[in-house]
PDB file of all heavy atoms in Angstrom:
ATOM      1  N   ASN A   1       0.768 -10.710   0.983  1.00  0.00           N
ATOM      2  CA  ASN A   1       1.620  -9.679   0.384  1.00  0.00           C
ATOM      3  C   ASN A   1       2.555  -9.054   1.367  1.00  0.00           C
ATOM      4  O   ASN A   1       2.099  -8.670   2.458  1.00  0.00           O
ATOM      5  CB  ASN A   1       0.792  -8.636  -0.308  1.00  0.00           C
ATOM      6  CG  ASN A   1       0.103  -9.082  -1.552  1.00  0.00           C
ATOM      7  OD1 ASN A   1       0.567 -10.072  -2.244  1.00  0.00           O
ATOM      8  ND2 ASN A   1      -1.131  -8.532  -1.911  1.00  0.00           N
ATOM      9  N   GLY A   2       3.819  -8.834   1.034  1.00  0.00           N
ATOM     10  CA  GLY A   2       4.728  -8.251   1.936  1.00  0.00           C
ATOM     11  C   GLY A   2       5.305  -9.197   3.012  1.00  0.00           C
ATOM     12  O   GLY A   2       5.990  -8.739   3.891  1.00  0.00           O
ATOM     13  N   ALA A   3       5.085 -10.472   2.786  1.00  0.00           N
ATOM     14  CA  ALA A   3       5.566 -11.469   3.730  1.00  0.00           C
ATOM     15  C   ALA A   3       7.071 -11.728   3.644  1.00  0.00           C
ATOM     16  O   ALA A   3       7.606 -12.323   4.551  1.00  0.00           O
ATOM     17  CB  ALA A   3       4.809 -12.755   3.586  1.00  0.00           C
ATOM     18  N   GLY A   4       7.690 -11.330   2.494  1.00  0.00           N
ATOM     19  CA  GLY A   4       9.114 -11.521   2.410  1.00  0.00           C
ATOM     20  C   GLY A   4       9.474 -12.627   1.344  1.00  0.00           C
ATOM     21  O   GLY A   4      10.643 -13.006   1.263  1.00  0.00           O
ATOM     22  N   LYS A   5       8.498 -13.067   0.610  1.00  0.00           N
ATOM     23  CA  LYS A   5       8.738 -14.258  -0.276  1.00  0.00           C
ATOM     24  C   LYS A   5       9.757 -13.960  -1.401  1.00  0.00           C
ATOM     25  O   LYS A   5      10.739 -14.620  -1.547  1.00  0.00           O
ATOM     26  CB  LYS A   5       7.396 -14.709  -0.893  1.00  0.00           C
ATOM     27  CG  LYS A   5       6.402 -15.064   0.091  1.00  0.00           C
ATOM     28  CD  LYS A   5       5.124 -15.588  -0.497  1.00  0.00           C
ATOM     29  CE  LYS A   5       4.373 -14.473  -1.357  1.00  0.00           C
ATOM     30  NZ  LYS A   5       3.911 -13.378  -0.540  1.00  0.00           N
ATOM     31  N   THR A   6       9.514 -12.802  -2.090  1.00  0.00           N
ATOM     32  CA  THR A   6      10.441 -12.482  -3.138  1.00  0.00           C
ATOM     33  C   THR A   6      11.832 -12.083  -2.645  1.00  0.00           C
ATOM     34  O   THR A   6      12.856 -12.368  -3.258  1.00  0.00           O
ATOM     35  CB  THR A   6       9.917 -11.278  -4.014  1.00  0.00           C
ATOM     36  OG1 THR A   6       8.625 -11.784  -4.618  1.00  0.00           O
ATOM     37  CG2 THR A   6      10.837 -10.822  -5.080  1.00  0.00           C
ATOM     38  N   THR A   7      11.839 -11.546  -1.451  1.00  0.00           N
ATOM     39  CA  THR A   7      13.153 -11.240  -0.765  1.00  0.00           C
ATOM     40  C   THR A   7      13.962 -12.542  -0.530  1.00  0.00           C
ATOM     41  O   THR A   7      15.151 -12.511  -0.809  1.00  0.00           O
ATOM     42  CB  THR A   7      12.942 -10.521   0.570  1.00  0.00           C
ATOM     43  OG1 THR A   7      12.266  -9.286   0.396  1.00  0.00           O
ATOM     44  CG2 THR A   7      14.289 -10.228   1.234  1.00  0.00           C
ATOM     45  N   VAL A   8      13.290 -13.593  -0.216  1.00  0.00           N
ATOM     46  CA  VAL A   8      13.950 -14.838  -0.097  1.00  0.00           C
ATOM     47  C   VAL A   8      14.562 -15.279  -1.403  1.00  0.00           C
ATOM     48  O   VAL A   8      15.725 -15.728  -1.432  1.00  0.00           O
ATOM     49  CB  VAL A   8      12.990 -15.920   0.458  1.00  0.00           C
ATOM     50  CG1 VAL A   8      13.687 -17.349   0.449  1.00  0.00           C
ATOM     51  CG2 VAL A   8      12.546 -15.616   1.911  1.00  0.00           C
ATOM     52  N   PHE A   9      13.787 -15.186  -2.473  1.00  0.00           N
ATOM     53  CA  PHE A   9      14.350 -15.523  -3.794  1.00  0.00           C
ATOM     54  C   PHE A   9      15.614 -14.684  -4.140  1.00  0.00           C
ATOM     55  O   PHE A   9      16.566 -15.102  -4.667  1.00  0.00           O
ATOM     56  CB  PHE A   9      13.259 -15.335  -4.853  1.00  0.00           C
ATOM     57  CG  PHE A   9      12.476 -16.620  -5.147  1.00  0.00           C
ATOM     58  CD1 PHE A   9      12.255 -17.531  -4.121  1.00  0.00           C
ATOM     59  CD2 PHE A   9      11.904 -16.845  -6.353  1.00  0.00           C
ATOM     60  CE1 PHE A   9      11.517 -18.712  -4.360  1.00  0.00           C
ATOM     61  CE2 PHE A   9      11.141 -17.989  -6.630  1.00  0.00           C
ATOM     62  CZ  PHE A   9      10.963 -18.864  -5.610  1.00  0.00           C
ATOM     63  N   ASN A  10      15.525 -13.419  -3.829  1.00  0.00           N
ATOM     64  CA  ASN A  10      16.624 -12.463  -4.059  1.00  0.00           C
ATOM     65  C   ASN A  10      17.830 -12.774  -3.270  1.00  0.00           C
ATOM     66  O   ASN A  10      19.002 -12.616  -3.732  1.00  0.00           O
ATOM     67  CB  ASN A  10      16.145 -10.967  -3.869  1.00  0.00           C
ATOM     68  CG  ASN A  10      15.220 -10.490  -4.870  1.00  0.00           C
ATOM     69  OD1 ASN A  10      15.082 -11.042  -5.947  1.00  0.00           O
ATOM     70  ND2 ASN A  10      14.532  -9.482  -4.543  1.00  0.00           N
ATOM     71  N   LEU A  11      17.678 -13.239  -2.033  1.00  0.00           N
ATOM     72  CA  LEU A  11      18.742 -13.793  -1.201  1.00  0.00           C
ATOM     73  C   LEU A  11      19.348 -15.019  -1.838  1.00  0.00           C
ATOM     74  O   LEU A  11      20.620 -15.117  -1.859  1.00  0.00           O
ATOM     75  CB  LEU A  11      18.265 -14.008   0.222  1.00  0.00           C
ATOM     76  CG  LEU A  11      17.980 -12.768   0.988  1.00  0.00           C
ATOM     77  CD1 LEU A  11      17.149 -13.121   2.259  1.00  0.00           C
ATOM     78  CD2 LEU A  11      19.238 -12.045   1.461  1.00  0.00           C
ATOM     79  N   ILE A  12      18.610 -15.871  -2.255  1.00  0.00           N
ATOM     80  CA  ILE A  12      19.136 -17.170  -2.816  1.00  0.00           C
ATOM     81  C   ILE A  12      19.927 -16.979  -4.021  1.00  0.00           C
ATOM     82  O   ILE A  12      20.955 -17.570  -4.264  1.00  0.00           O
ATOM     83  CB  ILE A  12      17.943 -18.193  -3.018  1.00  0.00           C
ATOM     84  CG1 ILE A  12      17.317 -18.630  -1.648  1.00  0.00           C
ATOM     85  CG2 ILE A  12      18.496 -19.422  -3.730  1.00  0.00           C
ATOM     86  CD1 ILE A  12      16.041 -19.414  -1.853  1.00  0.00           C
ATOM     87  N   THR A  13      19.435 -15.996  -4.864  1.00  0.00           N
ATOM     88  CA  THR A  13      20.046 -15.794  -6.233  1.00  0.00           C
ATOM     89  C   THR A  13      21.063 -14.787  -6.181  1.00  0.00           C
ATOM     90  O   THR A  13      21.563 -14.427  -7.291  1.00  0.00           O
ATOM     91  CB  THR A  13      18.999 -15.468  -7.276  1.00  0.00           C
ATOM     92  OG1 THR A  13      18.167 -14.344  -6.767  1.00  0.00           O
ATOM     93  CG2 THR A  13      18.039 -16.632  -7.472  1.00  0.00           C
ATOM     94  N   GLY A  14      21.416 -14.191  -5.037  1.00  0.00           N
ATOM     95  CA  GLY A  14      22.560 -13.259  -4.987  1.00  0.00           C
ATOM     96  C   GLY A  14      22.238 -11.851  -5.311  1.00  0.00           C
ATOM     97  O   GLY A  14      23.134 -11.074  -5.329  1.00  0.00           O
ATOM     98  N   ILE A  15      20.970 -11.508  -5.480  1.00  0.00           N
ATOM     99  CA  ILE A  15      20.586 -10.094  -5.677  1.00  0.00           C
ATOM    100  C   ILE A  15      20.822  -9.364  -4.367  1.00  0.00           C
ATOM    101  O   ILE A  15      21.225  -8.182  -4.336  1.00  0.00           O
ATOM    102  CB  ILE A  15      19.166 -10.011  -6.219  1.00  0.00           C
ATOM    103  CG1 ILE A  15      19.060 -10.565  -7.579  1.00  0.00           C
ATOM    104  CG2 ILE A  15      18.689  -8.560  -6.247  1.00  0.00           C
ATOM    105  CD1 ILE A  15      17.661 -10.664  -8.229  1.00  0.00           C
ATOM    106  N   TYR A  16      20.446  -9.928  -3.273  1.00  0.00           N
ATOM    107  CA  TYR A  16      20.692  -9.411  -1.900  1.00  0.00           C
ATOM    108  C   TYR A  16      21.678 -10.398  -1.156  1.00  0.00           C
ATOM    109  O   TYR A  16      21.753 -11.603  -1.405  1.00  0.00           O
ATOM    110  CB  TYR A  16      19.373  -9.387  -1.080  1.00  0.00           C
ATOM    111  CG  TYR A  16      18.345  -8.509  -1.591  1.00  0.00           C
ATOM    112  CD1 TYR A  16      16.998  -8.775  -1.198  1.00  0.00           C
ATOM    113  CD2 TYR A  16      18.577  -7.340  -2.303  1.00  0.00           C
ATOM    114  CE1 TYR A  16      15.964  -7.979  -1.723  1.00  0.00           C
ATOM    115  CE2 TYR A  16      17.562  -6.533  -2.762  1.00  0.00           C
ATOM    116  CZ  TYR A  16      16.278  -6.813  -2.458  1.00  0.00           C
ATOM    117  OH  TYR A  16      15.301  -6.051  -2.925  1.00  0.00           O
ATOM    118  N   ARG A  17      22.422  -9.768  -0.297  1.00  0.00           N
ATOM    119  CA  ARG A  17      23.332 -10.558   0.563  1.00  0.00           C
ATOM    120  C   ARG A  17      22.638 -10.660   1.958  1.00  0.00           C
ATOM    121  O   ARG A  17      22.155  -9.700   2.468  1.00  0.00           O
ATOM    122  CB  ARG A  17      24.668  -9.846   0.646  1.00  0.00           C
ATOM    123  CG  ARG A  17      25.701 -10.617   1.477  1.00  0.00           C
ATOM    124  CD  ARG A  17      27.067  -9.991   1.412  1.00  0.00           C
ATOM    125  NE  ARG A  17      27.987 -10.868   2.073  1.00  0.00           N
ATOM    126  CZ  ARG A  17      29.307 -10.846   1.735  1.00  0.00           C
ATOM    127  NH1 ARG A  17      29.771 -10.073   0.809  1.00  0.00           N
ATOM    128  NH2 ARG A  17      30.169 -11.670   2.439  1.00  0.00           N
ATOM    129  N   PRO A  18      22.647 -11.898   2.534  1.00  0.00           N
ATOM    130  CA  PRO A  18      22.001 -12.061   3.857  1.00  0.00           C
ATOM    131  C   PRO A  18      22.712 -11.093   4.927  1.00  0.00           C
ATOM    132  O   PRO A  18      23.944 -11.035   4.910  1.00  0.00           O
ATOM    133  CB  PRO A  18      22.244 -13.439   4.167  1.00  0.00           C
ATOM    134  CG  PRO A  18      22.537 -14.174   2.857  1.00  0.00           C
ATOM    135  CD  PRO A  18      23.162 -13.121   2.068  1.00  0.00           C
ATOM    136  N   THR A  19      21.872 -10.430   5.758  1.00  0.00           N
ATOM    137  CA  THR A  19      22.404  -9.690   6.865  1.00  0.00           C
ATOM    138  C   THR A  19      22.938 -10.665   7.913  1.00  0.00           C
ATOM    139  O   THR A  19      23.966 -10.423   8.570  1.00  0.00           O
ATOM    140  CB  THR A  19      21.370  -8.813   7.425  1.00  0.00           C
ATOM    141  OG1 THR A  19      20.774  -7.954   6.403  1.00  0.00           O
ATOM    142  CG2 THR A  19      21.961  -7.863   8.457  1.00  0.00           C
ATOM    143  N   THR A  20      22.165 -11.699   8.183  1.00  0.00           N
ATOM    144  CA  THR A  20      22.598 -12.755   9.109  1.00  0.00           C
ATOM    145  C   THR A  20      22.318 -14.097   8.440  1.00  0.00           C
ATOM    146  O   THR A  20      21.584 -14.289   7.555  1.00  0.00           O
ATOM    147  CB  THR A  20      21.673 -12.644  10.378  1.00  0.00           C
ATOM    148  OG1 THR A  20      20.325 -12.802  10.072  1.00  0.00           O
ATOM    149  CG2 THR A  20      21.895 -11.304  11.098  1.00  0.00           C
ATOM    150  N   GLY A  21      22.946 -15.145   9.038  1.00  0.00           N
ATOM    151  CA  GLY A  21      22.736 -16.486   8.612  1.00  0.00           C
ATOM    152  C   GLY A  21      23.567 -16.873   7.368  1.00  0.00           C
ATOM    153  O   GLY A  21      24.349 -16.100   6.906  1.00  0.00           O
ATOM    154  N   ASP A  22      23.290 -18.091   6.930  1.00  0.00           N
ATOM    155  CA  ASP A  22      24.060 -18.640   5.794  1.00  0.00           C
ATOM    156  C   ASP A  22      23.098 -19.350   4.818  1.00  0.00           C
ATOM    157  O   ASP A  22      22.120 -19.991   5.238  1.00  0.00           O
ATOM    158  CB  ASP A  22      25.110 -19.592   6.293  1.00  0.00           C
ATOM    159  CG  ASP A  22      26.107 -20.075   5.201  1.00  0.00           C
ATOM    160  OD1 ASP A  22      26.371 -19.242   4.278  1.00  0.00           O
ATOM    161  OD2 ASP A  22      26.515 -21.219   5.267  1.00  0.00           O
ATOM    162  N   ILE A  23      23.403 -19.357   3.528  1.00  0.00           N
ATOM    163  CA  ILE A  23      22.697 -20.072   2.481  1.00  0.00           C
ATOM    164  C   ILE A  23      23.655 -21.076   1.864  1.00  0.00           C
ATOM    165  O   ILE A  23      24.705 -20.702   1.356  1.00  0.00           O
ATOM    166  CB  ILE A  23      22.127 -19.119   1.420  1.00  0.00           C
ATOM    167  CG1 ILE A  23      21.161 -18.067   2.067  1.00  0.00           C
ATOM    168  CG2 ILE A  23      21.381 -19.944   0.382  1.00  0.00           C
ATOM    169  CD1 ILE A  23      20.682 -17.051   1.106  1.00  0.00           C
ATOM    170  N   ARG A  24      23.310 -22.304   1.865  1.00  0.00           N
ATOM    171  CA  ARG A  24      24.177 -23.298   1.332  1.00  0.00           C
ATOM    172  C   ARG A  24      23.486 -24.055   0.137  1.00  0.00           C
ATOM    173  O   ARG A  24      22.229 -24.379   0.256  1.00  0.00           O
ATOM    174  CB  ARG A  24      24.583 -24.427   2.347  1.00  0.00           C
ATOM    175  CG  ARG A  24      25.349 -23.775   3.589  1.00  0.00           C
ATOM    176  CD  ARG A  24      25.805 -24.827   4.592  1.00  0.00           C
ATOM    177  NE  ARG A  24      26.728 -25.809   3.956  1.00  0.00           N
ATOM    178  CZ  ARG A  24      28.052 -25.532   3.807  1.00  0.00           C
ATOM    179  NH1 ARG A  24      28.548 -24.321   4.261  1.00  0.00           N
ATOM    180  NH2 ARG A  24      28.833 -26.398   3.362  1.00  0.00           N
ATOM    181  N   PHE A  25      24.145 -24.332  -0.907  1.00  0.00           N
ATOM    182  CA  PHE A  25      23.568 -24.984  -2.061  1.00  0.00           C
ATOM    183  C   PHE A  25      24.603 -26.050  -2.458  1.00  0.00           C
ATOM    184  O   PHE A  25      25.809 -25.773  -2.679  1.00  0.00           O
ATOM    185  CB  PHE A  25      23.373 -24.009  -3.209  1.00  0.00           C
ATOM    186  CG  PHE A  25      22.909 -24.726  -4.464  1.00  0.00           C
ATOM    187  CD1 PHE A  25      21.558 -25.220  -4.562  1.00  0.00           C
ATOM    188  CD2 PHE A  25      23.699 -24.847  -5.636  1.00  0.00           C
ATOM    189  CE1 PHE A  25      21.154 -25.858  -5.691  1.00  0.00           C
ATOM    190  CE2 PHE A  25      23.240 -25.446  -6.721  1.00  0.00           C
ATOM    191  CZ  PHE A  25      22.016 -25.971  -6.782  1.00  0.00           C
ATOM    192  N   ASP A  26      24.072 -27.260  -2.666  1.00  0.00           N
ATOM    193  CA  ASP A  26      24.978 -28.394  -3.046  1.00  0.00           C
ATOM    194  C   ASP A  26      26.144 -28.462  -2.066  1.00  0.00           C
ATOM    195  O   ASP A  26      27.372 -28.698  -2.443  1.00  0.00           O
ATOM    196  CB  ASP A  26      25.510 -28.143  -4.475  1.00  0.00           C
ATOM    197  CG  ASP A  26      26.082 -29.425  -5.133  1.00  0.00           C
ATOM    198  OD1 ASP A  26      26.103 -30.445  -4.453  1.00  0.00           O
ATOM    199  OD2 ASP A  26      26.543 -29.289  -6.288  1.00  0.00           O
ATOM    200  N   ALA A  27      25.820 -28.315  -0.804  1.00  0.00           N
ATOM    201  CA  ALA A  27      26.732 -28.447   0.385  1.00  0.00           C
ATOM    202  C   ALA A  27      27.819 -27.402   0.396  1.00  0.00           C
ATOM    203  O   ALA A  27      28.748 -27.573   1.106  1.00  0.00           O
ATOM    204  CB  ALA A  27      27.397 -29.897   0.346  1.00  0.00           C
ATOM    205  N   ARG A  28      27.652 -26.219  -0.311  1.00  0.00           N
ATOM    206  CA  ARG A  28      28.623 -25.206  -0.272  1.00  0.00           C
ATOM    207  C   ARG A  28      27.901 -23.876   0.009  1.00  0.00           C
ATOM    208  O   ARG A  28      26.794 -23.630  -0.513  1.00  0.00           O
ATOM    209  CB  ARG A  28      29.451 -25.044  -1.502  1.00  0.00           C
ATOM    210  CG  ARG A  28      30.361 -26.320  -1.723  1.00  0.00           C
ATOM    211  CD  ARG A  28      31.262 -26.064  -2.961  1.00  0.00           C
ATOM    212  NE  ARG A  28      30.506 -26.022  -4.218  1.00  0.00           N
ATOM    213  CZ  ARG A  28      30.969 -25.691  -5.383  1.00  0.00           C
ATOM    214  NH1 ARG A  28      32.265 -25.315  -5.499  1.00  0.00           N
ATOM    215  NH2 ARG A  28      30.276 -25.659  -6.499  1.00  0.00           N
ATOM    216  N   SER A  29      28.567 -22.999   0.709  1.00  0.00           N
ATOM    217  CA  SER A  29      27.892 -21.704   0.936  1.00  0.00           C
ATOM    218  C   SER A  29      27.896 -20.900  -0.316  1.00  0.00           C
ATOM    219  O   SER A  29      28.852 -20.805  -1.053  1.00  0.00           O
ATOM    220  CB  SER A  29      28.661 -20.930   2.073  1.00  0.00           C
ATOM    221  OG  SER A  29      28.088 -19.670   2.209  1.00  0.00           O
TER     222      SER A  29
END
């Protein structure tokens, strides 16, 4: 618990914006 798992989902689905780094899906950011 508290490891950041749901935060990762929220980053991927656009609920949160990454502070650093990039997320690419289907070869596009």
